[in-house]
């Protein structure tokens, strides 16, 4: 009788701590997934910002080239 109580308590603890362990593991996995998605979004927005800067530089180059071609007539 006494051994049954001890075995039952040990089993209950194992089940209880096992569920806590799985909950912690799942939350850690979900946190890792969320952080990787967040870093991916930040990377995409950084690339968009870089692309817009490159487009602005290209627009300035095109504008200066057009001005230079317009000045050729006066030379």
PDB file of N, CA and C in Angstrom:
ATOM      1  N   UNK A   1       0.820  -1.197   0.000  1.00  0.00           N
ATOM      2  CA  UNK A   1       0.000   0.000   0.000  1.00  0.00           C
ATOM      3  C   UNK A   1       0.865   1.263   0.000  1.00  0.00           C
ATOM      4  N   UNK A   2       1.861   1.289   0.862  1.00  0.00           N
ATOM      5  CA  UNK A   2       2.725   2.459   0.966  1.00  0.00           C
ATOM      6  C   UNK A   2       3.514   2.668  -0.320  1.00  0.00           C
ATOM      7  N   UNK A   3       3.983   1.562  -0.924  1.00  0.00           N
ATOM      8  CA  UNK A   3       4.739   1.664  -2.161  1.00  0.00           C
ATOM      9  C   UNK A   3       3.872   2.184  -3.308  1.00  0.00           C
ATOM     10  N   UNK A   4       2.631   1.799  -3.306  1.00  0.00           N
ATOM     11  CA  UNK A   4       1.721   2.294  -4.341  1.00  0.00           C
ATOM     12  C   UNK A   4       1.574   3.810  -4.264  1.00  0.00           C
ATOM     13  N   UNK A   5       1.511   4.335  -3.053  1.00  0.00           N
ATOM     14  CA  UNK A   5       1.401   5.789  -2.876  1.00  0.00           C
ATOM     15  C   UNK A   5       2.663   6.478  -3.379  1.00  0.00           C
ATOM     16  N   UNK A   6       3.824   5.924  -3.044  1.00  0.00           N
ATOM     17  CA  UNK A   6       5.094   6.516  -3.493  1.00  0.00           C
ATOM     18  C   UNK A   6       5.191   6.469  -5.014  1.00  0.00           C
ATOM     19  N   UNK A   7       4.860   5.320  -5.585  1.00  0.00           N
ATOM     20  CA  UNK A   7       4.912   5.190  -7.046  1.00  0.00           C
ATOM     21  C   UNK A   7       3.940   6.165  -7.702  1.00  0.00           C
ATOM     22  N   UNK A   8       2.772   6.292  -7.131  1.00  0.00           N
ATOM     23  CA  UNK A   8       1.773   7.209  -7.691  1.00  0.00           C
ATOM     24  C   UNK A   8       2.266   8.658  -7.624  1.00  0.00           C
ATOM     25  N   UNK A   9       2.874   9.046  -6.504  1.00  0.00           N
ATOM     26  CA  UNK A   9       3.392  10.414  -6.378  1.00  0.00           C
ATOM     27  C   UNK A   9       4.525  10.669  -7.365  1.00  0.00           C
ATOM     28  N   UNK A  10       5.416   9.678  -7.498  1.00  0.00           N
ATOM     29  CA  UNK A  10       6.504   9.835  -8.465  1.00  0.00           C
ATOM     30  C   UNK A  10       5.958   9.954  -9.883  1.00  0.00           C
ATOM     31  N   UNK A  11       4.959   9.144 -10.203  1.00  0.00           N
ATOM     32  CA  UNK A  11       4.356   9.215 -11.528  1.00  0.00           C
ATOM     33  C   UNK A  11       3.693  10.575 -11.749  1.00  0.00           C
ATOM     34  N   UNK A  12       2.974  11.063 -10.753  1.00  0.00           N
ATOM     35  CA  UNK A  12       2.322  12.368 -10.878  1.00  0.00           C
ATOM     36  C   UNK A  12       3.347  13.475 -11.082  1.00  0.00           C
ATOM     37  N   UNK A  13       4.459  13.415 -10.343  1.00  0.00           N
ATOM     38  CA  UNK A  13       5.513  14.427 -10.516  1.00  0.00           C
ATOM     39  C   UNK A  13       6.116  14.345 -11.905  1.00  0.00           C
ATOM     40  N   UNK A  14       6.357  13.117 -12.369  1.00  0.00           N
ATOM     41  CA  UNK A  14       6.955  12.957 -13.694  1.00  0.00           C
ATOM     42  C   UNK A  14       6.034  13.530 -14.765  1.00  0.00           C
ATOM     43  N   UNK A  15       4.760  13.241 -14.644  1.00  0.00           N
ATOM     44  CA  UNK A  15       3.798  13.766 -15.614  1.00  0.00           C
ATOM     45  C   UNK A  15       3.730  15.281 -15.517  1.00  0.00           C
ATOM     46  N   UNK A  16       3.701  15.805 -14.282  1.00  0.00           N
ATOM     47  CA  UNK A  16       3.591  17.252 -14.095  1.00  0.00           C
ATOM     48  C   UNK A  16       4.826  17.967 -14.632  1.00  0.00           C
ATOM     49  N   UNK A  17       6.020  17.495 -14.233  1.00  0.00           N
ATOM     50  CA  UNK A  17       7.241  18.150 -14.704  1.00  0.00           C
ATOM     51  C   UNK A  17       7.478  17.885 -16.183  1.00  0.00           C
ATOM     52  N   UNK A  18       7.007  16.750 -16.657  1.00  0.00           N
ATOM     53  CA  UNK A  18       7.126  16.481 -18.085  1.00  0.00           C
ATOM     54  C   UNK A  18       6.312  17.458 -18.908  1.00  0.00           C
ATOM     55  N   UNK A  19       5.114  17.779 -18.448  1.00  0.00           N
ATOM     56  CA  UNK A  19       4.304  18.745 -19.188  1.00  0.00           C
ATOM     57  C   UNK A  19       4.903  20.136 -19.099  1.00  0.00           C
ATOM     58  N   UNK A  20       5.483  20.468 -17.941  1.00  0.00           N
ATOM     59  CA  UNK A  20       6.138  21.776 -17.832  1.00  0.00           C
ATOM     60  C   UNK A  20       7.334  21.835 -18.772  1.00  0.00           C
ATOM     61  N   UNK A  21       8.093  20.737 -18.819  1.00  0.00           N
ATOM     62  CA  UNK A  21       9.247  20.697 -19.715  1.00  0.00           C
ATOM     63  C   UNK A  21       8.842  20.859 -21.166  1.00  0.00           C
ATOM     64  N   UNK A  22       7.783  20.197 -21.564  1.00  0.00           N
ATOM     65  CA  UNK A  22       7.327  20.328 -22.944  1.00  0.00           C
ATOM     66  C   UNK A  22       6.797  21.726 -23.206  1.00  0.00           C
ATOM     67  N   UNK A  23       6.130  22.302 -22.228  1.00  0.00           N
ATOM     68  CA  UNK A  23       5.630  23.665 -22.403  1.00  0.00           C
ATOM     69  C   UNK A  23       6.784  24.638 -22.574  1.00  0.00           C
ATOM     70  N   UNK A  24       7.827  24.473 -21.772  1.00  0.00           N
ATOM     71  CA  UNK A  24       9.005  25.337 -21.892  1.00  0.00           C
ATOM     72  C   UNK A  24       9.678  25.123 -23.237  1.00  0.00           C
ATOM     73  N   UNK A  25       9.788  23.868 -23.659  1.00  0.00           N
ATOM     74  CA  UNK A  25      10.409  23.578 -24.955  1.00  0.00           C
ATOM     75  C   UNK A  25       9.592  24.176 -26.091  1.00  0.00           C
ATOM     76  N   UNK A  26       8.276  24.041 -26.006  1.00  0.00           N
ATOM     77  CA  UNK A  26       7.434  24.615 -27.058  1.00  0.00           C
ATOM     78  C   UNK A  26       7.526  26.130 -27.069  1.00  0.00           C
ATOM     79  N   UNK A  27       7.510  26.752 -25.908  1.00  0.00           N
ATOM     80  CA  UNK A  27       7.589  28.213 -25.878  1.00  0.00           C
ATOM     81  C   UNK A  27       8.942  28.686 -26.385  1.00  0.00           C
ATOM     82  N   UNK A  28      10.004  27.945 -26.078  1.00  0.00           N
ATOM     83  CA  UNK A  28      11.323  28.314 -26.597  1.00  0.00           C
ATOM     84  C   UNK A  28      11.359  28.173 -28.111  1.00  0.00           C
ATOM     85  N   UNK A  29      10.747  27.108 -28.620  1.00  0.00           N
ATOM     86  CA  UNK A  29      10.719  26.914 -30.075  1.00  0.00           C
ATOM     87  C   UNK A  29       9.899  28.005 -30.751  1.00  0.00           C
ATOM     88  N   UNK A  30       8.752  28.331 -30.178  1.00  0.00           N
ATOM     89  CA  UNK A  30       7.934  29.388 -30.765  1.00  0.00           C
ATOM     90  C   UNK A  30       8.633  30.738 -30.681  1.00  0.00           C
ATOM     91  N   UNK A  31       9.357  30.978 -29.609  1.00  0.00           N
ATOM     92  CA  UNK A  31      10.108  32.227 -29.489  1.00  0.00           C
ATOM     93  C   UNK A  31      11.195  32.298 -30.553  1.00  0.00           C
ATOM     94  N   UNK A  32      11.871  31.183 -30.789  1.00  0.00           N
ATOM     95  CA  UNK A  32      12.909  31.155 -31.820  1.00  0.00           C
ATOM     96  C   UNK A  32      12.308  31.399 -33.198  1.00  0.00           C
ATOM     97  N   UNK A  33      11.159  30.805 -33.464  1.00  0.00           N
ATOM     98  CA  UNK A  33      10.494  31.023 -34.754  1.00  0.00           C
ATOM     99  C   UNK A  33      10.081  32.484 -34.896  1.00  0.00           C
ATOM    100  N   UNK A  34       9.534  33.055 -33.841  1.00  0.00           N
ATOM    101  CA  UNK A  34       9.105  34.456 -33.895  1.00  0.00           C
ATOM    102  C   UNK A  34      10.297  35.380 -34.099  1.00  0.00           C
ATOM    103  N   UNK A  35      11.398  35.109 -33.421  1.00  0.00           N
ATOM    104  CA  UNK A  35      12.585  35.949 -33.592  1.00  0.00           C
ATOM    105  C   UNK A  35      13.159  35.828 -34.996  1.00  0.00           C
ATOM    106  N   UNK A  36      13.143  34.630 -35.568  1.00  0.00           N
ATOM    107  CA  UNK A  36      13.655  34.478 -36.925  1.00  0.00           C
ATOM    108  C   UNK A  36      12.753  35.190 -37.927  1.00  0.00           C
ATOM    109  N   UNK A  37      11.438  35.131 -37.723  1.00  0.00           N
ATOM    110  CA  UNK A  37      10.534  35.864 -38.610  1.00  0.00           C
ATOM    111  C   UNK A  37      10.727  37.367 -38.476  1.00  0.00           C
ATOM    112  N   UNK A  38      10.927  37.831 -37.245  1.00  0.00           N
ATOM    113  CA  UNK A  38      11.163  39.256 -37.024  1.00  0.00           C
ATOM    114  C   UNK A  38      12.452  39.703 -37.696  1.00  0.00           C
ATOM    115  N   UNK A  39      13.505  38.911 -37.582  1.00  0.00           N
ATOM    116  CA  UNK A  39      14.760  39.277 -38.234  1.00  0.00           C
ATOM    117  C   UNK A  39      14.619  39.245 -39.750  1.00  0.00           C
ATOM    118  N   UNK A  40      13.811  38.321 -40.274  1.00  0.00           N
ATOM    119  CA  UNK A  40      13.570  38.277 -41.717  1.00  0.00           C
ATOM    120  C   UNK A  40      12.851  39.536 -42.185  1.00  0.00           C
ATOM    121  N   UNK A  41      11.846  39.970 -41.433  1.00  0.00           N
ATOM    122  CA  UNK A  41      11.109  41.187 -41.793  1.00  0.00           C
ATOM    123  C   UNK A  41      12.027  42.400 -41.734  1.00  0.00           C
ATOM    124  N   UNK A  42      12.865  42.478 -40.703  1.00  0.00           N
ATOM    125  CA  UNK A  42      13.807  43.595 -40.596  1.00  0.00           C
ATOM    126  C   UNK A  42      14.776  43.580 -41.770  1.00  0.00           C
ATOM    127  N   UNK A  43      15.226  42.399 -42.156  1.00  0.00           N
ATOM    128  CA  UNK A  43      16.138  42.274 -43.301  1.00  0.00           C
ATOM    129  C   UNK A  43      15.463  42.742 -44.581  1.00  0.00           C
ATOM    130  N   UNK A  44      14.212  42.369 -44.791  1.00  0.00           N
ATOM    131  CA  UNK A  44      13.488  42.789 -45.993  1.00  0.00           C
ATOM    132  C   UNK A  44      13.346  44.306 -46.029  1.00  0.00           C
ATOM    133  N   UNK A  45      12.962  44.914 -44.895  1.00  0.00           N
ATOM    134  CA  UNK A  45      12.820  46.366 -44.866  1.00  0.00           C
ATOM    135  C   UNK A  45      14.162  47.062 -45.047  1.00  0.00           C
ATOM    136  N   UNK A  46      15.244  46.474 -44.548  1.00  0.00           N
ATOM    137  CA  UNK A  46      16.570  47.049 -44.762  1.00  0.00           C
ATOM    138  C   UNK A  46      16.931  47.005 -46.241  1.00  0.00           C
ATOM    139  N   UNK A  47      16.614  45.888 -46.888  1.00  0.00           N
ATOM    140  CA  UNK A  47      16.895  45.784 -48.320  1.00  0.00           C
ATOM    141  C   UNK A  47      16.052  46.764 -49.121  1.00  0.00           C
ATOM    142  N   UNK A  48      14.797  46.981 -48.691  1.00  0.00           N
ATOM    143  CA  UNK A  48      13.963  47.971 -49.377  1.00  0.00           C
ATOM    144  C   UNK A  48      14.559  49.361 -49.231  1.00  0.00           C
ATOM    145  N   UNK A  49      15.050  49.682 -48.039  1.00  0.00           N
ATOM    146  CA  UNK A  49      15.683  50.981 -47.818  1.00  0.00           C
ATOM    147  C   UNK A  49      16.933  51.137 -48.658  1.00  0.00           C
ATOM    148  N   UNK A  50      17.725  50.071 -48.755  1.00  0.00           N
ATOM    149  CA  UNK A  50      18.928  50.111 -49.579  1.00  0.00           C
ATOM    150  C   UNK A  50      18.566  50.282 -51.048  1.00  0.00           C
ATOM    151  N   UNK A  51      17.532  49.593 -51.494  1.00  0.00           N
ATOM    152  CA  UNK A  51      17.101  49.715 -52.890  1.00  0.00           C
ATOM    153  C   UNK A  51      16.612  51.126 -53.184  1.00  0.00           C
ATOM    154  N   UNK A  52      15.896  51.740 -52.248  1.00  0.00           N
ATOM    155  CA  UNK A  52      15.422  53.103 -52.491  1.00  0.00           C
ATOM    156  C   UNK A  52      16.593  54.082 -52.540  1.00  0.00           C
ATOM    157  N   UNK A  53      17.621  53.856 -51.714  1.00  0.00           N
ATOM    158  CA  UNK A  53      18.807  54.723 -51.786  1.00  0.00           C
ATOM    159  C   UNK A  53      19.522  54.559 -53.114  1.00  0.00           C
ATOM    160  N   UNK A  54      19.631  53.306 -53.580  1.00  0.00           N
ATOM    161  CA  UNK A  54      20.280  53.066 -54.872  1.00  0.00           C
ATOM    162  C   UNK A  54      19.477  53.715 -55.988  1.00  0.00           C
ATOM    163  N   UNK A  55      18.156  53.631 -55.922  1.00  0.00           N
ATOM    164  CA  UNK A  55      17.319  54.276 -56.937  1.00  0.00           C
ATOM    165  C   UNK A  55      17.489  55.783 -56.912  1.00  0.00           C
ATOM    166  N   UNK A  56      17.623  56.368 -55.722  1.00  0.00           N
ATOM    167  CA  UNK A  56      17.830  57.813 -55.626  1.00  0.00           C
ATOM    168  C   UNK A  56      19.165  58.201 -56.245  1.00  0.00           C
ATOM    169  N   UNK A  57      20.200  57.414 -55.996  1.00  0.00           N
ATOM    170  CA  UNK A  57      21.514  57.694 -56.590  1.00  0.00           C
ATOM    171  C   UNK A  57      21.445  57.549 -58.101  1.00  0.00           C
ATOM    172  N   UNK A  58      20.777  56.510 -58.586  1.00  0.00           N
ATOM    173  CA  UNK A  58      20.634  56.326 -60.034  1.00  0.00           C
ATOM    174  C   UNK A  58      19.865  57.481 -60.660  1.00  0.00           C
ATOM    175  N   UNK A  59      18.836  57.962 -59.977  1.00  0.00           N
ATOM    176  CA  UNK A  59      18.062  59.087 -60.509  1.00  0.00           C
ATOM    177  C   UNK A  59      18.934  60.334 -60.611  1.00  0.00           C
ATOM    178  N   UNK A  60      19.788  60.572 -59.623  1.00  0.00           N
ATOM    179  CA  UNK A  60      20.691  61.725 -59.687  1.00  0.00           C
ATOM    180  C   UNK A  60      21.678  61.585 -60.835  1.00  0.00           C
ATOM    181  N   UNK A  61      22.195  60.378 -61.030  1.00  0.00           N
ATOM    182  CA  UNK A  61      23.137  60.151 -62.133  1.00  0.00           C
ATOM    183  C   UNK A  61      22.454  60.390 -63.470  1.00  0.00           C
ATOM    184  N   UNK A  62      21.237  59.880 -63.616  1.00  0.00           N
ATOM    185  CA  UNK A  62      20.500  60.082 -64.871  1.00  0.00           C
ATOM    186  C   UNK A  62      20.217  61.558 -65.087  1.00  0.00           C
ATOM    187  N   UNK A  63      19.840  62.257 -64.021  1.00  0.00           N
ATOM    188  CA  UNK A  63      19.549  63.686 -64.137  1.00  0.00           C
ATOM    189  C   UNK A  63      20.794  64.465 -64.548  1.00  0.00           C
ATOM    190  N   UNK A  64      21.929  64.159 -63.933  1.00  0.00           N
ATOM    191  CA  UNK A  64      23.165  64.857 -64.301  1.00  0.00           C
ATOM    192  C   UNK A  64      23.590  64.517 -65.719  1.00  0.00           C
ATOM    193  N   UNK A  65      23.368  63.268 -66.132  1.00  0.00           N
ATOM    194  CA  UNK A  65      23.697  62.882 -67.504  1.00  0.00           C
ATOM    195  C   UNK A  65      22.830  63.638 -68.495  1.00  0.00           C
ATOM    196  N   UNK A  66      21.549  63.774 -68.195  1.00  0.00           N
ATOM    197  CA  UNK A  66      20.658  64.515 -69.091  1.00  0.00           C
ATOM    198  C   UNK A  66      21.059  65.989 -69.146  1.00  0.00           C
ATOM    199  N   UNK A  67      21.451  66.564 -68.008  1.00  0.00           N
ATOM    200  CA  UNK A  67      21.904  67.956 -68.006  1.00  0.00           C
ATOM    201  C   UNK A  67      23.173  68.107 -68.828  1.00  0.00           C
ATOM    202  N   UNK A  68      24.084  67.145 -68.699  1.00  0.00           N
ATOM    203  CA  UNK A  68      25.327  67.211 -69.462  1.00  0.00           C
ATOM    204  C   UNK A  68      25.050  67.100 -70.956  1.00  0.00           C
ATOM    205  N   UNK A  69      24.137  66.214 -71.335  1.00  0.00           N
ATOM    206  CA  UNK A  69      23.794  66.090 -72.754  1.00  0.00           C
ATOM    207  C   UNK A  69      23.125  67.361 -73.262  1.00  0.00           C
ATOM    208  N   UNK A  70      22.372  68.013 -72.409  1.00  0.00           N
ATOM    209  CA  UNK A  70      21.769  69.280 -72.806  1.00  0.00           C
ATOM    210  C   UNK A  70      22.808  70.375 -72.974  1.00  0.00           C
ATOM    211  N   UNK A  71      23.877  70.307 -72.189  1.00  0.00           N
ATOM    212  CA  UNK A  71      24.942  71.310 -72.279  1.00  0.00           C
ATOM    213  C   UNK A  71      25.812  71.096 -73.503  1.00  0.00           C
ATOM    214  N   UNK A  72      25.798  69.896 -74.102  1.00  0.00           N
ATOM    215  CA  UNK A  72      26.630  69.634 -75.282  1.00  0.00           C
ATOM    216  C   UNK A  72      26.279  70.585 -76.421  1.00  0.00           C
ATOM    217  N   UNK A  73      25.042  70.979 -76.509  1.00  0.00           N
ATOM    218  CA  UNK A  73      24.624  71.867 -77.594  1.00  0.00           C
ATOM    219  C   UNK A  73      25.237  73.255 -77.459  1.00  0.00           C
ATOM    220  N   UNK A  74      25.519  73.655 -76.229  1.00  0.00           N
ATOM    221  CA  UNK A  74      26.063  74.989 -76.014  1.00  0.00           C
ATOM    222  C   UNK A  74      27.579  75.035 -76.126  1.00  0.00           C
ATOM    223  N   UNK A  75      28.221  73.856 -76.133  1.00  0.00           N
ATOM    224  CA  UNK A  75      29.693  73.848 -76.186  1.00  0.00           C
ATOM    225  C   UNK A  75      30.172  74.071 -77.603  1.00  0.00           C
TER     226      UNK A  75
END
